[in-house]
């Protein structure tokens, strides 16, 4: 059995790299995707806070296999007044955003036409951010005490970047320029 990455490389004659990272913005969008759905990473031109922002999008309902339409992606949360969420409720909608350093690199890769596409797969796990944005030093304490170190919820995911073989070396230089070395060493798999 071949992996998704091997299948992707074989059929596209490109080189695919993968990042084990997260989707940001759950505290804003309150959407969790189904792990079986391949999501696209797209440019987010209308983000007034970050000109390099990249969004993670669920495909439209007609692009999702019908047997997944009724799958529950988030159970009801009575405390936060969030109803049960199913695949059909989030189809065609934005799930969140690519982390800041990574989205700058992705934007440059796309701008230079070094990549064919960038895909994202949710791993089915949401957790508190261990590495919040430099301006987000604290998160609210649910018991009403002092704020606590850390950021909002991250949705664990894998990003697959299909790089045109002729541009692989240039693409890797862009990644080295925009993504801190420690992050590349721990999250990038080529």
Protein backbone atom coordinates (compact mmCIF):
# COMPACT_ATOMS: atom_id res chain seq x y z
CA UNK A 1 0.00 0.00 0.00
CA UNK A 2 1.36 3.42 -0.93
CA UNK A 3 1.13 6.52 1.22
CA UNK A 4 -0.78 9.60 0.13
CA UNK A 5 2.54 11.37 -0.43
CA UNK A 6 3.90 8.57 -2.68
CA UNK A 7 0.61 8.49 -4.65
CA UNK A 8 0.68 12.28 -5.02
CA UNK A 9 4.29 12.29 -6.28
CA UNK A 10 3.75 9.40 -8.70
CA UNK A 11 0.74 10.95 -10.43
CA UNK A 12 2.01 14.51 -10.58
CA UNK A 13 5.75 14.11 -11.31
CA UNK A 14 6.21 16.78 -8.66
CA UNK A 15 7.92 16.47 -5.30
CA UNK A 16 5.65 16.56 -2.32
CA UNK A 17 6.72 17.68 1.11
CA UNK A 18 4.62 17.51 4.22
CA UNK A 19 4.35 19.66 7.31
CA UNK A 20 2.96 18.38 10.62
CA UNK A 21 1.45 21.59 11.94
CA UNK A 22 -1.95 23.06 12.78
CA UNK A 23 -4.88 25.12 11.56
CA UNK A 24 -5.31 28.39 13.48
CA UNK A 25 -8.53 30.28 14.16
CA UNK A 26 -10.83 27.70 15.75
CA UNK A 27 -11.80 30.33 18.34
CA UNK A 28 -13.14 32.47 15.47
CA UNK A 29 -14.67 29.96 13.05
CA UNK A 30 -15.78 27.16 15.45
CA UNK A 31 -15.58 24.61 12.63
CA UNK A 32 -13.94 21.20 12.70
CA UNK A 33 -13.50 19.30 9.46
CA UNK A 34 -13.86 15.57 8.93
CA UNK A 35 -10.43 13.87 8.83
CA UNK A 36 -11.44 12.03 5.63
CA UNK A 37 -11.81 15.27 3.66
CA UNK A 38 -8.95 16.80 1.69
CA UNK A 39 -9.03 20.59 2.16
CA UNK A 40 -7.39 23.23 -0.01
CA UNK A 41 -5.12 26.01 1.16
CA UNK A 42 -5.94 29.25 -0.62
CA UNK A 43 -4.85 32.89 -0.58
CA UNK A 44 -6.97 35.02 1.77
CA UNK A 45 -6.88 38.46 0.13
CA UNK A 46 -9.40 40.14 2.42
CA UNK A 47 -7.52 39.65 5.73
CA UNK A 48 -6.95 43.15 7.10
CA UNK A 49 -4.47 41.96 9.75
CA UNK A 50 -2.10 39.88 7.60
CA UNK A 51 -1.42 40.56 3.93
CA UNK A 52 0.16 37.09 3.62
CA UNK A 53 -2.78 35.20 5.15
CA UNK A 54 -3.70 31.80 3.75
CA UNK A 55 -7.02 30.11 4.52
CA UNK A 56 -7.94 26.44 4.84
CA UNK A 57 -11.17 25.66 2.96
CA UNK A 58 -13.53 22.69 3.02
CA UNK A 59 -14.54 21.70 -0.52
CA UNK A 60 -18.10 22.30 -1.69
CA UNK A 61 -20.68 19.64 -0.86
CA UNK A 62 -20.71 18.25 -4.42
CA UNK A 63 -16.93 17.59 -4.14
CA UNK A 64 -17.34 15.58 -0.92
CA UNK A 65 -18.38 11.91 -1.09
CA UNK A 66 -22.07 11.64 -0.20
CA UNK A 67 -21.51 9.05 2.53
CA UNK A 68 -19.61 11.73 4.52
CA UNK A 69 -22.30 14.46 4.35
CA UNK A 70 -23.98 13.46 7.63
CA UNK A 71 -20.80 12.84 9.65
CA UNK A 72 -20.63 14.80 12.90
CA UNK A 73 -17.54 17.02 12.96
CA UNK A 74 -18.26 18.76 16.27
CA UNK A 75 -20.66 17.62 18.96
CA UNK A 76 -23.11 20.04 20.52
CA UNK A 77 -21.60 22.35 23.15
CA UNK A 78 -24.41 23.64 25.37
CA UNK A 79 -22.13 25.89 27.48
CA UNK A 80 -20.94 27.79 24.42
CA UNK A 81 -24.31 27.51 22.64
CA UNK A 82 -22.78 25.71 19.67
CA UNK A 83 -25.09 23.25 17.89
CA UNK A 84 -23.98 19.89 16.55
CA UNK A 85 -22.01 20.36 13.35
CA UNK A 86 -21.99 18.01 10.35
CA UNK A 87 -19.97 17.90 7.15
CA UNK A 88 -22.89 19.34 5.15
CA UNK A 89 -22.93 22.38 7.51
CA UNK A 90 -19.30 23.32 6.84
CA UNK A 91 -18.99 22.40 3.15
CA UNK A 92 -17.52 25.26 1.13
CA UNK A 93 -16.57 27.21 4.26
CA UNK A 94 -13.34 28.38 5.78
CA UNK A 95 -12.07 26.21 8.66
CA UNK A 96 -9.23 28.50 9.74
CA UNK A 97 -5.85 29.83 8.73
CA UNK A 98 -2.34 28.58 8.11
CA UNK A 99 0.10 29.63 10.91
CA UNK A 100 1.85 32.97 10.26
CA UNK A 101 5.39 31.91 9.31
CA UNK A 102 4.15 29.05 7.18
CA UNK A 103 1.57 31.15 5.32
CA UNK A 104 4.24 33.67 4.30
CA UNK A 105 6.29 30.84 2.80
CA UNK A 106 3.22 29.33 1.10
CA UNK A 107 2.32 32.72 -0.36
CA UNK A 108 5.82 33.12 -1.84
CA UNK A 109 5.77 29.58 -3.25
CA UNK A 110 2.47 30.31 -4.99
CA UNK A 111 3.54 33.77 -6.16
CA UNK A 112 6.64 32.26 -7.81
CA UNK A 113 4.58 29.43 -9.31
CA UNK A 114 6.75 26.80 -7.59
CA UNK A 115 3.82 24.73 -6.33
CA UNK A 116 0.93 23.00 -8.04
CA UNK A 117 -1.28 22.91 -4.97
CA UNK A 118 -1.29 22.87 -1.18
CA UNK A 119 -3.62 20.48 0.61
CA UNK A 120 -4.51 20.05 4.26
CA UNK A 121 -5.79 17.03 6.20
CA UNK A 122 -7.17 17.42 9.72
CA UNK A 123 -5.94 14.74 12.12
CA UNK A 124 -9.10 14.74 14.25
CA UNK A 125 -7.49 16.40 17.24
CA UNK A 126 -7.91 19.88 18.72
CA UNK A 127 -5.59 21.09 21.46
CA UNK A 128 -4.49 24.26 23.21
CA UNK A 129 -1.82 26.12 21.28
CA UNK A 130 1.63 25.49 22.71
CA UNK A 131 3.19 28.20 20.53
CA UNK A 132 0.89 31.23 20.37
CA UNK A 133 1.49 34.17 18.08
CA UNK A 134 4.06 36.56 19.55
CA UNK A 135 1.28 39.08 20.31
CA UNK A 136 -0.92 36.45 21.96
CA UNK A 137 0.89 35.78 25.20
CA UNK A 138 -2.16 34.73 27.23
CA UNK A 139 -5.49 33.00 26.99
CA UNK A 140 -8.51 33.49 29.21
CA UNK A 141 -8.72 31.46 32.38
CA UNK A 142 -12.10 29.70 32.45
CA UNK A 143 -12.26 29.93 36.28
CA UNK A 144 -12.07 33.73 36.20
CA UNK A 145 -8.53 34.06 37.64
CA UNK A 146 -5.46 35.45 35.91
CA UNK A 147 -4.99 34.79 32.23
CA UNK A 148 -2.86 31.74 31.44
CA UNK A 149 0.12 31.46 29.14
CA UNK A 150 -0.67 30.04 25.69
CA UNK A 151 -3.07 30.67 22.85
CA UNK A 152 -6.39 29.37 21.58
CA UNK A 153 -7.22 25.94 20.21
CA UNK A 154 -5.20 24.53 17.31
CA UNK A 155 -6.57 21.90 14.95
CA UNK A 156 -3.79 19.37 14.36
CA UNK A 157 -3.21 18.77 10.65
CA UNK A 158 -0.82 17.76 7.90
CA UNK A 159 -0.11 20.11 4.99
CA UNK A 160 0.97 18.52 1.69
CA UNK A 161 2.80 20.88 -0.68
CA UNK A 162 3.19 19.66 -4.27
CA UNK A 163 6.34 21.41 -5.54
CA UNK A 164 7.20 21.44 -9.24
CA UNK A 165 10.33 19.27 -9.54
CA UNK A 166 12.22 21.91 -11.54
CA UNK A 167 11.72 24.42 -8.69
CA UNK A 168 12.35 22.17 -5.70
CA UNK A 169 15.65 23.77 -4.66
CA UNK A 170 14.29 27.33 -4.95
CA UNK A 171 11.20 26.31 -2.98
CA UNK A 172 13.33 24.90 -0.17
CA UNK A 173 15.26 28.19 -0.01
CA UNK A 174 12.00 30.10 0.39
CA UNK A 175 10.95 27.79 3.22
CA UNK A 176 14.31 28.34 4.94
CA UNK A 177 13.90 32.11 4.58
CA UNK A 178 10.39 32.34 6.06
CA UNK A 179 10.09 29.45 8.51
CA UNK A 180 12.37 29.33 11.58
CA UNK A 181 14.98 26.55 11.42
CA UNK A 182 13.69 24.85 14.59
CA UNK A 183 10.20 24.62 13.07
CA UNK A 184 11.54 23.21 9.80
CA UNK A 185 13.63 20.63 11.63
CA UNK A 186 10.70 19.38 13.70
CA UNK A 187 7.75 19.76 11.29
CA UNK A 188 8.99 19.33 7.69
CA UNK A 189 9.20 15.91 6.06
CA UNK A 190 10.55 15.85 2.51
